[in-house]
Amino acid sequence: MSAAAPVGIVLVSHSADVAASVVALAQGLAGGGTAPVLPAGGLPDGGLGTSAELITAAAKAVDRGAGVALLVDLGSAVLTVKALLAEGDELPEGARLVDAPFVEGAVAALVTASAGGDLDAVAAAASEAYAYRKE
């Protein structure tokens, strides 16, 4: 698994604190992780919600040309990312909404991206986190 540049990752949450904490957790569990990952949580005023502006800025900041995986926490975050993708010019080329559990998926995505996985591999690793059993 190798790519010329790493896949970028954006973690979209309704809460800035949750998004930042999951970034920190993923980086810690991924041994620091070398792929670019940023939170896009809450509203610009610090309130709860999702912000197209924050998502777009984070996606552009992590884009290295290999694609951007966007992982989201809840329903309206999904709708916001889908709307941005439909607009076609707001997010970097190769940006993709990844259907994955937020925490486990973030860790799997960062580990895979940091190991040189391409966008398909990153998305697959994150999605496979649905199978992690906790019983």
C-alpha atoms as a PDB file:
ATOM      1  CA  MET A   1       0.000   0.000   0.000  1.00  0.00           C
ATOM      2  CA  SER A   2       1.667   3.188  -1.060  1.00  0.00           C
ATOM      3  CA  ALA A   3       0.544   6.496  -2.442  1.00  0.00           C
ATOM      4  CA  ALA A   4       2.518   9.495  -3.589  1.00  0.00           C
ATOM      5  CA  ALA A   5       0.767  11.581  -0.938  1.00  0.00           C
ATOM      6  CA  PRO A   6      -1.307  10.593   2.077  1.00  0.00           C
ATOM      7  CA  VAL A   7      -5.073  10.621   2.130  1.00  0.00           C
ATOM      8  CA  GLY A   8      -6.410  13.445   4.285  1.00  0.00           C
ATOM      9  CA  ILE A   9      -9.039  12.821   6.949  1.00  0.00           C
ATOM     10  CA  VAL A  10     -11.692  15.173   8.335  1.00  0.00           C
ATOM     11  CA  LEU A  11     -13.769  14.240  11.380  1.00  0.00           C
ATOM     12  CA  VAL A  12     -17.115  16.026  11.324  1.00  0.00           C
ATOM     13  CA  SER A  13     -19.047  16.227  14.575  1.00  0.00           C
ATOM     14  CA  HIS A  14     -21.828  18.370  15.954  1.00  0.00           C
ATOM     15  CA  SER A  15     -19.419  19.287  18.756  1.00  0.00           C
ATOM     16  CA  ALA A  16     -16.025  20.944  18.374  1.00  0.00           C
ATOM     17  CA  ASP A  17     -14.899  19.209  21.567  1.00  0.00           C
ATOM     18  CA  VAL A  18     -15.948  15.765  20.335  1.00  0.00           C
ATOM     19  CA  ALA A  19     -14.290  16.221  16.937  1.00  0.00           C
ATOM     20  CA  ALA A  20     -11.037  17.457  18.505  1.00  0.00           C
ATOM     21  CA  SER A  21     -11.056  14.669  21.091  1.00  0.00           C
ATOM     22  CA  VAL A  22     -11.554  11.952  18.474  1.00  0.00           C
ATOM     23  CA  VAL A  23      -8.698  13.422  16.424  1.00  0.00           C
ATOM     24  CA  ALA A  24      -6.471  13.294  19.530  1.00  0.00           C
ATOM     25  CA  LEU A  25      -7.582   9.745  20.350  1.00  0.00           C
ATOM     26  CA  ALA A  26      -6.997   8.521  16.783  1.00  0.00           C
ATOM     27  CA  GLN A  27      -3.552  10.134  16.684  1.00  0.00           C
ATOM     28  CA  GLY A  28      -2.673   8.586  20.034  1.00  0.00           C
ATOM     29  CA  LEU A  29      -3.831   5.116  19.043  1.00  0.00           C
ATOM     30  CA  ALA A  30      -2.203   5.387  15.619  1.00  0.00           C
ATOM     31  CA  GLY A  31       1.158   6.175  17.154  1.00  0.00           C
ATOM     32  CA  GLY A  32       0.857   9.809  16.165  1.00  0.00           C
ATOM     33  CA  GLY A  33      -0.231   9.003  12.630  1.00  0.00           C
ATOM     34  CA  THR A  34       1.494  10.739   9.752  1.00  0.00           C
ATOM     35  CA  ALA A  35      -1.554  11.378   7.573  1.00  0.00           C
ATOM     36  CA  PRO A  36      -3.154  14.796   7.902  1.00  0.00           C
ATOM     37  CA  VAL A  37      -6.286  14.747  10.068  1.00  0.00           C
ATOM     38  CA  LEU A  38      -8.375  17.659  11.318  1.00  0.00           C
ATOM     39  CA  PRO A  39     -11.599  18.147  13.251  1.00  0.00           C
ATOM     40  CA  ALA A  40     -14.538  20.069  11.815  1.00  0.00           C
ATOM     41  CA  GLY A  41     -16.865  20.257  14.768  1.00  0.00           C
ATOM     42  CA  GLY A  42     -19.676  22.493  15.823  1.00  0.00           C
ATOM     43  CA  LEU A  43     -20.534  25.917  14.510  1.00  0.00           C
ATOM     44  CA  PRO A  44     -18.160  28.839  13.976  1.00  0.00           C
ATOM     45  CA  ASP A  45     -19.571  30.526  17.110  1.00  0.00           C
ATOM     46  CA  GLY A  46     -18.756  27.443  19.203  1.00  0.00           C
ATOM     47  CA  GLY A  47     -22.316  26.137  19.353  1.00  0.00           C
ATOM     48  CA  LEU A  48     -23.553  22.671  18.512  1.00  0.00           C
ATOM     49  CA  GLY A  49     -24.251  21.871  14.876  1.00  0.00           C
ATOM     50  CA  THR A  50     -22.446  21.330  11.619  1.00  0.00           C
ATOM     51  CA  SER A  51     -20.824  24.030   9.527  1.00  0.00           C
ATOM     52  CA  ALA A  52     -20.231  23.727   5.800  1.00  0.00           C
ATOM     53  CA  GLU A  53     -17.624  26.472   6.188  1.00  0.00           C
ATOM     54  CA  LEU A  54     -15.616  24.554   8.823  1.00  0.00           C
ATOM     55  CA  ILE A  55     -15.884  21.281   6.901  1.00  0.00           C
ATOM     56  CA  THR A  56     -14.693  22.899   3.674  1.00  0.00           C
ATOM     57  CA  ALA A  57     -11.774  24.647   5.380  1.00  0.00           C
ATOM     58  CA  ALA A  58     -10.646  21.437   7.105  1.00  0.00           C
ATOM     59  CA  ALA A  59     -10.941  19.385   3.897  1.00  0.00           C
ATOM     60  CA  LYS A  60      -8.850  21.888   1.960  1.00  0.00           C
ATOM     61  CA  ALA A  61      -6.259  21.972   4.742  1.00  0.00           C
ATOM     62  CA  VAL A  62      -5.725  18.181   4.788  1.00  0.00           C
ATOM     63  CA  ASP A  63      -5.837  17.699   1.017  1.00  0.00           C
ATOM     64  CA  ARG A  64      -2.494  16.505  -0.356  1.00  0.00           C
ATOM     65  CA  GLY A  65      -3.910  15.337  -3.698  1.00  0.00           C
ATOM     66  CA  ALA A  66      -4.680  11.729  -2.713  1.00  0.00           C
ATOM     67  CA  GLY A  67      -8.282  12.349  -1.651  1.00  0.00           C
ATOM     68  CA  VAL A  68     -10.009  13.291   1.570  1.00  0.00           C
ATOM     69  CA  ALA A  69     -12.029  10.880   3.716  1.00  0.00           C
ATOM     70  CA  LEU A  70     -14.824  12.589   5.649  1.00  0.00           C
ATOM     71  CA  LEU A  71     -16.182  10.704   8.659  1.00  0.00           C
ATOM     72  CA  VAL A  72     -19.271  12.067  10.388  1.00  0.00           C
ATOM     73  CA  ASP A  73     -21.070  11.538  13.674  1.00  0.00           C
ATOM     74  CA  LEU A  74     -24.832  12.092  13.190  1.00  0.00           C
ATOM     75  CA  GLY A  75     -27.584  12.698  10.643  1.00  0.00           C
ATOM     76  CA  SER A  76     -27.302  16.386   9.802  1.00  0.00           C
ATOM     77  CA  ALA A  77     -23.525  16.058   9.491  1.00  0.00           C
ATOM     78  CA  VAL A  78     -24.187  13.446   6.806  1.00  0.00           C
ATOM     79  CA  LEU A  79     -26.607  15.803   5.058  1.00  0.00           C
ATOM     80  CA  THR A  80     -24.156  18.717   5.202  1.00  0.00           C
ATOM     81  CA  VAL A  81     -21.314  16.666   3.709  1.00  0.00           C
ATOM     82  CA  LYS A  82     -23.627  15.210   1.035  1.00  0.00           C
ATOM     83  CA  ALA A  83     -24.733  18.738   0.088  1.00  0.00           C
ATOM     84  CA  LEU A  84     -21.114  19.879  -0.178  1.00  0.00           C
ATOM     85  CA  LEU A  85     -20.260  16.885  -2.360  1.00  0.00           C
ATOM     86  CA  ALA A  86     -23.288  17.566  -4.584  1.00  0.00           C
ATOM     87  CA  GLU A  87     -22.186  21.164  -5.116  1.00  0.00           C
ATOM     88  CA  GLY A  88     -19.042  19.728  -6.636  1.00  0.00           C
ATOM     89  CA  ASP A  89     -16.711  22.683  -6.154  1.00  0.00           C
ATOM     90  CA  GLU A  90     -16.645  23.221  -2.394  1.00  0.00           C
ATOM     91  CA  LEU A  91     -14.604  20.174  -1.375  1.00  0.00           C
ATOM     92  CA  PRO A  92     -11.304  19.048  -2.887  1.00  0.00           C
ATOM     93  CA  GLU A  93     -11.394  16.634  -5.802  1.00  0.00           C
ATOM     94  CA  GLY A  94     -11.494  13.097  -4.466  1.00  0.00           C
ATOM     95  CA  ALA A  95     -13.333  14.005  -1.267  1.00  0.00           C
ATOM     96  CA  ARG A  96     -15.537  11.153  -0.087  1.00  0.00           C
ATOM     97  CA  LEU A  97     -18.102  10.631   2.648  1.00  0.00           C
ATOM     98  CA  VAL A  98     -17.147   7.399   4.418  1.00  0.00           C
ATOM     99  CA  ASP A  99     -19.845   5.281   6.040  1.00  0.00           C
ATOM    100  CA  ALA A 100     -18.110   4.207   9.243  1.00  0.00           C
ATOM    101  CA  PRO A 101     -18.474   4.351  13.016  1.00  0.00           C
ATOM    102  CA  PHE A 102     -17.073   7.698  14.115  1.00  0.00           C
ATOM    103  CA  VAL A 103     -14.491   6.701  16.738  1.00  0.00           C
ATOM    104  CA  GLU A 104     -13.390   3.258  15.555  1.00  0.00           C
ATOM    105  CA  GLY A 105     -13.556   4.354  11.928  1.00  0.00           C
ATOM    106  CA  ALA A 106     -11.386   7.393  12.632  1.00  0.00           C
ATOM    107  CA  VAL A 107      -8.675   5.236  14.182  1.00  0.00           C
ATOM    108  CA  ALA A 108      -8.775   2.703  11.334  1.00  0.00           C
ATOM    109  CA  ALA A 109      -8.757   5.460   8.708  1.00  0.00           C
ATOM    110  CA  LEU A 110      -5.766   7.231  10.253  1.00  0.00           C
ATOM    111  CA  VAL A 111      -3.763   4.035  10.671  1.00  0.00           C
ATOM    112  CA  THR A 112      -4.422   3.037   7.062  1.00  0.00           C
ATOM    113  CA  ALA A 113      -3.776   6.496   5.608  1.00  0.00           C
ATOM    114  CA  SER A 114      -0.566   6.796   7.639  1.00  0.00           C
ATOM    115  CA  ALA A 115       0.586   3.422   6.284  1.00  0.00           C
ATOM    116  CA  GLY A 116       0.188   4.751   2.736  1.00  0.00           C
ATOM    117  CA  GLY A 117      -3.236   3.358   1.914  1.00  0.00           C
ATOM    118  CA  ASP A 118      -5.115   5.004  -0.922  1.00  0.00           C
ATOM    119  CA  LEU A 119      -8.600   6.464  -0.512  1.00  0.00           C
ATOM    120  CA  ASP A 120     -10.317   3.140  -1.278  1.00  0.00           C
ATOM    121  CA  ALA A 121      -8.210   1.367   1.367  1.00  0.00           C
ATOM    122  CA  VAL A 122      -8.829   4.112   3.924  1.00  0.00           C
ATOM    123  CA  ALA A 123     -12.583   4.015   3.311  1.00  0.00           C
ATOM    124  CA  ALA A 124     -12.646   0.214   3.486  1.00  0.00           C
ATOM    125  CA  ALA A 125     -10.677   0.101   6.739  1.00  0.00           C
ATOM    126  CA  ALA A 126     -12.941   2.687   8.337  1.00  0.00           C
ATOM    127  CA  SER A 127     -16.111   0.911   7.162  1.00  0.00           C
ATOM    128  CA  GLU A 128     -14.836  -2.455   8.376  1.00  0.00           C
ATOM    129  CA  ALA A 129     -14.812  -1.009  11.880  1.00  0.00           C
ATOM    130  CA  TYR A 130     -18.569  -1.700  11.927  1.00  0.00           C
ATOM    131  CA  ALA A 131     -17.618  -5.337  12.460  1.00  0.00           C
ATOM    132  CA  TYR A 132     -15.694  -4.694  15.692  1.00  0.00           C
ATOM    133  CA  ARG A 133     -17.630  -6.592  18.345  1.00  0.00           C
ATOM    134  CA  LYS A 134     -17.727  -5.352  21.916  1.00  0.00           C
ATOM    135  CA  GLU A 135     -19.113  -8.409  23.619  1.00  0.00           C
END
